[in-house]
Amino acid sequence: MNLPPVARDAVRALSQSKIREVANAGMGRDGVLPFWFGEPDEVTPAFIRAAAVASLEAGETFYNQNLGIPELREALAAYATRLHGPCAPDNIAVTNSGINALMLCFQALIAPGDRVVAVTPLWPNLIEGPKILSADVHTVPLHFDARLGWRLDLDRLITALTPATRVLVLNSPNNPTGWTIDAASQRVLLEHCRRHGIWILADDAYERIYFEGASAPSFLDIACAEDRLVSANTFSKSWLMTGWRLGWIAAPAGLIADIGKIIEYNTSCAQMFVQRAGVAAVTQGDAVTQAFVARLKAARDFLHAELAAIDGITAVAPPGAMYAFFRVRGMTDSLGFCKRLVSAHGLGVAPGAAFGPEGEGFVRWCFAASHARLAEGVRRLKQGL
C-alpha cells in the first residue's frame, strides 16, 4: 500500500495564520513599520536580563523540575494571591510560554470529538489548538457597536454552553478587540459551568494590560478551589518578555499534577536561567507593568484620536489589551488589504479575518509603539485607503 507521507487529517485541515502570512510578506523589506504582532517595542528591563545572566554565570544549564523551580512557583502563587485571592504553589505549573500553557491545557482537558466553545473574534491559536486534538469547536461572536465597541450576548453564550460542552475558552481582555468581560457576567458563566461540569479555560495573557483598574476582572477572583477553572498566563506582555518564552498555569492541584506528566512528554521543563528571570520579573516588576500600561494607554488614546479623524474608519478605544481593532468602510478582503498596505506602503498590520469571520472588514494594529511611529503609520494608512 502506497500512502502519502503527510500529517493526519486534523493537522492538514488547520488554517494557516493570516497574521504570519502578512508578516512573512513584509519581513526583510526595508522601512516597513511592523505593527502586526502583539509585541512591545521595548527591550526586557535590565534587572530581569541580569537575573538570567547571573544564572548562566552560575552554571544553571541543567534540567529542573517539570512544574518549574520552587522559587518561581512560590513567587507566582504569591502574585496570584495578591491579585485574586488564595493560591498555593501546588496550583502553579511553569511552562515554556503562554501558548505552551494553552496547549498543555488543551492536551489535559480535550479528547477527540469534545465540544469546545470559544468567544470570537479571537487569536487564531485558541481556535486551531483544540482542532489539533480533533475537538469540535463552536464559536459565539461578539457584536460590534460603532459607539460602544464590542459586546457579548451573554444569553447566546449560555445557550451555546450545552451540557455536552467540555471546555469554554475565553480570552479577556481580548485579542484582537480589547473587549473585557465584566464581573457579573463571569459569575453567571461560572455558575452555569458549575452546573454542567464545563471547564473554563481563561487565557489571561492581558489581565494586567487593562486601562480601567490594576487588573481586569478574573474568574480567579470568584472561583473556589474545586471549580473546573484553568488560567493560562504569560510573562510576555506584562514584563516585556516576548522572546523569553515563559508562561504559567494556575489550576486545581490535582490537574496541575497531571499537567506535570504532560510537560515531561512535551518539553520536560522550562530553562532554569529563564525561570530565574521570571522570578525577578514577578517579584520586582510591578513598576515595569505599571509604566508599560500607562504608556499603552497614552498610545491607545493617541492612535484612536488619529483614526477617528479619518473618513471611512470606525474605531472604539478598547478597555484592555494593546490593539486598535478598527473597521474600514467598504473593505471586504482584509488579508488582501493588509498585504497591499505592507507591499505598497510599508505598513504592517494584521487582517481582521485572521481572528475569525466576525473580524472580516476590520484591521488589528498593535499600538505598543512611540507616538512618532504611530503617526507615521497613520500617514501610510491614509495613503493606502
Protein backbone atom coordinates (compact mmCIF):
# COMPACT_ATOMS: atom_id res chain seq x y z
CA MET A 1 0.00 0.00 0.00
CA ASN A 2 1.40 3.38 -1.04
CA LEU A 3 0.26 6.01 1.44
CA PRO A 4 1.30 9.67 1.08
CA PRO A 5 3.86 10.93 3.64
CA VAL A 6 1.58 13.61 5.13
CA ALA A 7 0.24 14.62 8.53
CA ARG A 8 -3.07 13.32 9.85
CA ASP A 9 -6.25 14.94 8.57
CA ALA A 10 -6.90 17.15 11.62
CA VAL A 11 -3.48 18.75 11.25
CA ARG A 12 -3.71 19.19 7.49
CA ALA A 13 -7.08 20.90 7.98
CA LEU A 14 -5.62 23.58 10.26
CA SER A 15 -5.78 27.14 8.96
CA GLN A 16 -2.55 28.96 8.22
CA SER A 17 -2.08 32.09 10.31
CA LYS A 18 -3.10 35.10 8.21
CA ILE A 19 -1.11 37.29 10.59
CA ARG A 20 2.03 35.35 9.69
CA GLU A 21 1.09 35.47 6.01
CA VAL A 22 1.16 39.28 6.10
CA ALA A 23 4.28 39.40 8.28
CA ASN A 24 6.13 36.99 6.01
CA ALA A 25 5.30 39.26 3.08
CA GLY A 26 6.85 42.22 4.89
CA MET A 27 9.78 40.79 6.85
CA GLY A 28 13.11 41.70 5.33
CA ARG A 29 11.71 44.69 3.45
CA ASP A 30 13.44 47.97 4.22
CA GLY A 31 11.42 50.62 6.02
CA VAL A 32 8.40 48.53 6.99
CA LEU A 33 6.63 49.61 10.18
CA PRO A 34 5.64 46.30 11.84
CA PHE A 35 2.51 46.59 13.95
CA TRP A 36 1.29 43.09 13.05
CA PHE A 37 2.35 41.15 16.18
CA GLY A 38 1.31 41.71 19.79
CA GLU A 39 4.76 42.68 20.95
CA PRO A 40 6.13 45.60 22.99
CA ASP A 41 8.75 47.70 21.21
CA GLU A 42 10.90 47.94 24.36
CA VAL A 43 13.63 45.52 25.40
CA THR A 44 13.24 43.48 28.58
CA PRO A 45 14.30 45.56 31.63
CA ALA A 46 17.92 45.25 32.70
CA PHE A 47 17.23 43.72 36.13
CA ILE A 48 15.32 40.84 34.51
CA ARG A 49 18.08 40.23 31.97
CA ALA A 50 20.67 40.41 34.75
CA ALA A 51 18.93 37.61 36.67
CA ALA A 52 19.24 35.33 33.64
CA VAL A 53 22.89 36.30 33.13
CA ALA A 54 23.66 35.56 36.78
CA SER A 55 22.01 32.15 36.45
CA LEU A 56 24.07 31.34 33.37
CA GLU A 57 27.23 32.55 35.10
CA ALA A 58 26.40 30.24 37.99
CA GLY A 59 26.19 27.30 35.59
CA GLU A 60 22.44 26.71 35.84
CA THR A 61 22.19 25.00 32.47
CA PHE A 62 20.72 21.66 33.55
CA TYR A 63 17.29 20.04 33.72
CA ASN A 64 14.98 21.08 36.56
CA GLN A 65 11.54 20.16 37.89
CA ASN A 66 8.75 19.51 35.38
CA LEU A 67 6.45 22.02 37.07
CA GLY A 68 9.13 24.69 37.48
CA ILE A 69 11.67 25.64 40.12
CA PRO A 70 10.16 26.08 43.60
CA GLU A 71 11.23 29.73 43.78
CA LEU A 72 9.20 30.65 40.71
CA ARG A 73 6.15 28.58 41.65
CA GLU A 74 6.15 30.23 45.07
CA ALA A 75 6.55 33.70 43.56
CA LEU A 76 3.72 33.11 41.09
CA ALA A 77 1.45 31.75 43.83
CA ALA A 78 2.14 34.88 45.92
CA TYR A 79 1.48 37.08 42.86
CA ALA A 80 -1.84 35.34 42.13
CA THR A 81 -2.83 35.57 45.80
CA ARG A 82 -2.15 39.30 45.81
CA LEU A 83 -4.22 39.89 42.65
CA HIS A 84 -7.04 37.38 43.06
CA GLY A 85 -7.08 35.51 46.36
CA PRO A 86 -5.54 32.37 47.89
CA CYS A 87 -3.27 30.38 45.57
CA ALA A 88 -0.64 27.81 46.59
CA PRO A 89 2.50 26.68 44.74
CA ASP A 90 0.71 23.35 44.15
CA ASN A 91 -1.76 25.31 41.96
CA ILE A 92 1.03 26.54 39.65
CA ALA A 93 2.79 24.96 36.66
CA VAL A 94 5.58 26.86 34.89
CA THR A 95 5.55 26.49 31.11
CA ASN A 96 7.65 27.28 28.03
CA SER A 97 5.50 30.31 27.01
CA GLY A 98 1.85 31.24 27.22
CA ILE A 99 0.90 29.32 24.09
CA ASN A 100 2.63 26.25 25.55
CA ALA A 101 0.48 26.73 28.66
CA LEU A 102 -2.63 26.77 26.49
CA MET A 103 -1.60 23.70 24.51
CA LEU A 104 -0.85 21.78 27.71
CA CYS A 105 -4.33 22.68 28.95
CA PHE A 106 -5.88 21.52 25.69
CA GLN A 107 -3.99 18.24 25.94
CA ALA A 108 -5.07 17.76 29.55
CA LEU A 109 -8.75 18.54 29.00
CA ILE A 110 -9.77 17.73 25.42
CA ALA A 111 -10.38 14.38 23.74
CA PRO A 112 -11.29 13.86 20.06
CA GLY A 113 -14.85 14.94 19.39
CA ASP A 114 -15.20 17.03 22.55
CA ARG A 115 -17.32 20.15 22.21
CA VAL A 116 -15.32 23.34 22.77
CA VAL A 117 -16.96 26.78 22.78
CA ALA A 118 -14.94 29.95 22.17
CA VAL A 119 -15.89 33.64 22.11
CA THR A 120 -14.73 35.33 18.90
CA PRO A 121 -13.09 37.30 17.26
CA LEU A 122 -10.13 35.53 18.81
CA TRP A 123 -6.40 34.96 18.45
CA PRO A 124 -6.34 32.05 15.97
CA ASN A 125 -4.16 29.81 18.16
CA LEU A 126 -7.09 29.44 20.57
CA ILE A 127 -9.32 28.13 17.79
CA GLU A 128 -6.80 25.94 15.98
CA GLY A 129 -5.18 24.49 19.13
CA PRO A 130 -8.22 22.41 20.12
CA LYS A 131 -8.61 21.31 16.50
CA ILE A 132 -5.15 19.72 16.65
CA LEU A 133 -6.73 17.37 19.19
CA SER A 134 -9.75 16.80 16.90
CA ALA A 135 -12.12 18.83 19.06
CA ASP A 136 -15.46 20.06 17.75
CA VAL A 137 -15.05 23.85 18.06
CA HIS A 138 -18.09 26.14 18.17
CA THR A 139 -17.86 29.93 18.26
CA VAL A 140 -20.04 32.64 19.78
CA PRO A 141 -19.32 36.03 18.20
CA LEU A 142 -19.11 39.34 19.95
CA HIS A 143 -21.18 42.14 18.43
CA PHE A 144 -19.59 45.40 17.30
CA ASP A 145 -21.35 48.62 18.22
CA ALA A 146 -19.89 51.68 16.49
CA ARG A 147 -20.39 53.74 19.65
CA LEU A 148 -19.79 51.25 22.48
CA GLY A 149 -17.34 48.83 20.90
CA TRP A 150 -17.53 45.04 21.19
CA ARG A 151 -20.30 43.49 23.26
CA LEU A 152 -21.11 39.97 24.43
CA ASP A 153 -24.58 38.45 24.08
CA LEU A 154 -24.44 36.53 27.35
CA ASP A 155 -27.69 34.67 26.71
CA ARG A 156 -26.37 33.43 23.37
CA LEU A 157 -23.17 32.19 25.03
CA ILE A 158 -25.12 30.43 27.80
CA THR A 159 -27.26 28.72 25.15
CA ALA A 160 -24.12 27.52 23.33
CA LEU A 161 -22.75 26.05 26.58
CA THR A 162 -24.85 22.90 26.44
CA PRO A 163 -24.40 20.06 28.94
CA ALA A 164 -22.38 18.30 26.23
CA THR A 165 -19.75 21.07 26.25
CA ARG A 166 -16.36 20.09 27.62
CA VAL A 167 -14.49 23.43 27.63
CA LEU A 168 -15.28 27.14 27.36
CA VAL A 169 -12.30 29.11 26.01
CA LEU A 170 -12.45 32.78 26.92
CA ASN A 171 -9.76 35.44 26.40
CA SER A 172 -10.33 38.68 28.33
CA PRO A 173 -9.08 41.32 27.79
CA ASN A 174 -9.48 40.02 24.30
CA ASN A 175 -7.04 39.79 21.45
CA PRO A 176 -7.85 41.38 18.99
CA THR A 177 -10.78 43.53 20.16
CA GLY A 178 -9.77 44.58 23.68
CA TRP A 179 -13.25 43.57 24.87
CA THR A 180 -13.20 42.75 28.58
CA ILE A 181 -15.82 40.66 30.32
CA ASP A 182 -17.45 42.20 33.40
CA ALA A 183 -17.51 40.52 36.80
CA ALA A 184 -21.29 39.99 36.78
CA SER A 185 -21.13 38.06 33.51
CA GLN A 186 -18.26 35.99 34.87
CA ARG A 187 -20.40 34.96 37.86
CA VAL A 188 -23.25 33.89 35.58
CA LEU A 189 -20.90 31.86 33.42
CA LEU A 190 -19.14 30.26 36.37
CA GLU A 191 -22.44 29.18 37.93
CA HIS A 192 -23.65 27.76 34.60
CA CYS A 193 -20.40 25.86 34.03
CA ARG A 194 -20.51 24.50 37.59
CA ARG A 195 -23.99 23.10 37.00
CA HIS A 196 -22.92 21.27 33.86
CA GLY A 197 -19.34 20.31 34.73
CA ILE A 198 -17.88 22.51 31.97
CA TRP A 199 -14.22 23.50 32.23
CA ILE A 200 -13.41 27.20 31.85
CA LEU A 201 -10.05 27.86 30.21
CA ALA A 202 -9.25 31.54 30.72
CA ASP A 203 -6.49 33.00 28.59
CA ASP A 204 -5.34 35.74 30.96
CA ALA A 205 -2.38 37.00 28.94
CA TYR A 206 -3.66 40.59 29.09
CA GLU A 207 -5.11 40.67 32.62
CA ARG A 208 -2.66 43.42 33.65
CA ILE A 209 -2.98 45.28 30.32
CA TYR A 210 -6.17 46.93 31.48
CA PHE A 211 -6.93 50.64 31.47
CA GLU A 212 -9.77 50.74 34.00
CA GLY A 213 -8.06 49.25 37.05
CA ALA A 214 -4.96 47.43 38.28
CA SER A 215 -6.15 44.14 36.81
CA ALA A 216 -9.06 43.06 34.62
CA PRO A 217 -11.94 41.09 36.17
CA SER A 218 -10.83 37.47 36.50
CA PHE A 219 -12.53 34.15 37.11
CA LEU A 220 -9.78 33.62 39.70
CA ASP A 221 -11.39 36.41 41.75
CA ILE A 222 -14.59 34.39 42.27
CA ALA A 223 -13.70 30.71 41.82
CA CYS A 224 -13.49 28.10 44.56
CA ALA A 225 -10.67 25.57 44.87
CA GLU A 226 -12.85 22.77 43.46
CA ASP A 227 -14.06 24.70 40.41
CA ARG A 228 -13.19 23.47 36.94
CA LEU A 229 -11.20 26.60 36.14
CA VAL A 230 -7.80 26.88 34.48
CA SER A 231 -5.96 30.15 33.93
CA ALA A 232 -3.16 30.31 31.33
CA ASN A 233 -0.80 33.27 31.51
CA THR A 234 2.45 34.61 30.12
CA PHE A 235 5.40 36.81 31.05
CA SER A 236 5.47 38.24 27.52
CA LYS A 237 3.19 41.24 27.84
CA SER A 238 3.25 42.47 31.45
CA TRP A 239 7.05 42.32 31.77
CA LEU A 240 8.17 42.90 28.15
CA MET A 241 9.46 39.34 27.74
CA THR A 242 8.05 38.07 24.44
CA GLY A 243 11.28 36.40 23.31
CA TRP A 244 11.91 34.58 26.60
CA ARG A 245 9.06 32.09 26.07
CA LEU A 246 7.90 31.73 29.67
CA GLY A 247 4.38 31.26 30.99
CA TRP A 248 2.37 29.54 33.69
CA ILE A 249 -0.87 27.77 34.51
CA ALA A 250 -2.99 28.28 37.62
CA ALA A 251 -5.38 25.38 38.22
CA PRO A 252 -6.66 22.88 40.81
CA ALA A 253 -3.77 20.96 42.35
CA GLY A 254 -4.95 17.61 41.01
CA LEU A 255 -4.94 18.88 37.46
CA ILE A 256 -1.54 20.51 37.93
CA ALA A 257 -0.08 17.13 38.93
CA ASP A 258 -1.34 15.60 35.68
CA ILE A 259 -0.13 18.58 33.66
CA GLY A 260 3.31 17.85 35.08
CA LYS A 261 3.19 14.49 33.30
CA ILE A 262 2.30 16.17 30.03
CA ILE A 263 5.14 18.67 30.45
CA GLU A 264 7.54 15.75 30.80
CA TYR A 265 6.41 14.38 27.45
CA ASN A 266 6.45 17.79 25.71
CA THR A 267 9.39 19.93 26.85
CA SER A 268 10.41 18.34 30.20
CA CYS A 269 10.87 21.74 31.85
CA ALA A 270 11.42 25.43 31.27
CA GLN A 271 15.04 26.59 31.15
CA MET A 272 16.41 27.39 34.61
CA PHE A 273 18.01 30.72 33.62
CA VAL A 274 14.76 31.87 32.01
CA GLN A 275 12.89 30.95 35.19
CA ARG A 276 15.37 32.99 37.25
CA ALA A 277 14.48 35.95 35.04
CA GLY A 278 10.83 35.16 35.73
CA VAL A 279 11.40 35.29 39.49
CA ALA A 280 12.94 38.75 39.11
CA ALA A 281 10.05 39.92 36.94
CA VAL A 282 7.24 38.73 39.16
CA THR A 283 8.83 39.84 42.45
CA GLN A 284 10.36 43.15 41.35
CA GLY A 285 8.49 44.09 38.19
CA ASP A 286 5.32 45.88 39.30
CA ALA A 287 6.75 49.27 38.33
CA VAL A 288 7.58 47.88 34.88
CA THR A 289 3.99 46.75 34.37
CA GLN A 290 2.52 49.99 35.63
CA ALA A 291 4.76 52.12 33.41
CA PHE A 292 4.03 49.94 30.39
CA VAL A 293 0.27 50.14 30.91
CA ALA A 294 0.45 53.93 31.30
CA ARG A 295 2.44 54.16 28.08
CA LEU A 296 -0.02 51.90 26.29
CA LYS A 297 -2.98 53.97 27.46
CA ALA A 298 -1.39 57.13 26.07
CA ALA A 299 -0.61 55.32 22.80
CA ARG A 300 -4.17 53.96 22.61
CA ASP A 301 -5.64 57.43 23.08
CA PHE A 302 -3.27 58.96 20.53
CA LEU A 303 -3.87 56.33 17.85
CA HIS A 304 -7.64 56.26 18.27
CA ALA A 305 -7.84 60.04 18.02
CA GLU A 306 -5.88 59.84 14.77
CA LEU A 307 -8.03 57.01 13.41
CA ALA A 308 -11.26 58.78 14.37
CA ALA A 309 -10.26 61.70 12.16
CA ILE A 310 -10.02 59.50 9.05
CA ASP A 311 -13.12 59.27 6.88
CA GLY A 312 -14.18 55.64 6.48
CA ILE A 313 -12.56 54.37 9.69
CA THR A 314 -14.64 53.29 12.69
CA ALA A 315 -12.65 52.69 15.87
CA VAL A 316 -13.63 52.49 19.53
CA ALA A 317 -10.88 52.70 22.17
CA PRO A 318 -10.69 49.34 23.99
CA PRO A 319 -10.65 48.93 27.79
CA GLY A 320 -7.80 46.43 27.66
CA ALA A 321 -5.06 44.66 25.65
CA MET A 322 -2.79 46.51 23.21
CA TYR A 323 -4.64 46.71 19.92
CA ALA A 324 -6.76 49.03 17.85
CA PHE A 325 -9.27 46.83 16.03
CA PHE A 326 -10.96 49.14 13.56
CA ARG A 327 -13.40 48.81 10.70
CA VAL A 328 -12.58 50.07 7.22
CA ARG A 329 -15.65 51.10 5.27
CA GLY A 330 -16.18 49.07 2.12
CA MET A 331 -13.26 46.71 2.76
CA THR A 332 -14.25 43.05 2.40
CA ASP A 333 -10.87 41.36 1.95
CA SER A 334 -8.76 42.26 4.97
CA LEU A 335 -5.96 39.86 4.05
CA GLY A 336 -5.56 41.37 0.60
CA PHE A 337 -5.88 44.87 2.06
CA CYS A 338 -3.12 44.27 4.62
CA LYS A 339 -0.84 42.64 2.05
CA ARG A 340 -1.25 45.69 -0.16
CA LEU A 341 -0.53 48.03 2.76
CA VAL A 342 2.74 46.26 3.52
CA SER A 343 3.90 45.90 -0.09
CA ALA A 344 2.90 49.33 -1.38
CA HIS A 345 3.13 51.49 1.73
CA GLY A 346 5.39 49.69 4.20
CA LEU A 347 2.68 49.44 6.86
CA GLY A 348 2.45 46.11 8.66
CA VAL A 349 -0.90 45.43 10.34
CA ALA A 350 -2.92 42.25 10.87
CA PRO A 351 -6.03 41.33 8.86
CA GLY A 352 -9.25 41.07 10.83
CA ALA A 353 -10.10 37.82 9.05
CA ALA A 354 -7.22 36.18 10.91
CA PHE A 355 -9.40 36.27 14.03
CA GLY A 356 -12.48 34.65 12.53
CA PRO A 357 -15.21 35.61 10.08
CA GLU A 358 -16.51 38.22 12.54
CA GLY A 359 -13.25 40.10 12.03
CA GLU A 360 -13.58 40.50 8.29
CA GLY A 361 -13.67 44.15 7.34
CA PHE A 362 -11.50 45.04 10.34
CA VAL A 363 -7.76 45.56 10.87
CA ARG A 364 -5.72 44.96 14.03
CA TRP A 365 -2.94 47.41 14.88
CA CYS A 366 -0.68 46.83 17.90
CA PHE A 367 -0.16 50.26 19.50
CA ALA A 368 2.80 49.30 21.72
CA ALA A 369 4.96 51.90 19.98
CA SER A 370 6.03 55.53 20.18
CA HIS A 371 3.69 58.31 19.10
CA ALA A 372 6.09 59.18 16.29
CA ARG A 373 5.95 55.64 14.85
CA LEU A 374 2.18 55.52 15.25
CA ALA A 375 1.82 58.88 13.49
CA GLU A 376 3.97 57.69 10.59
CA GLY A 377 1.84 54.57 10.43
CA VAL A 378 -1.32 56.66 10.24
CA ARG A 379 0.21 58.67 7.40
CA ARG A 380 0.88 55.46 5.48
CA LEU A 381 -2.61 54.14 6.21
CA LYS A 382 -4.12 57.29 4.72
CA GLN A 383 -2.05 56.73 1.58
CA GLY A 384 -3.37 53.18 1.35
CA LEU A 385 -7.06 53.98 1.71
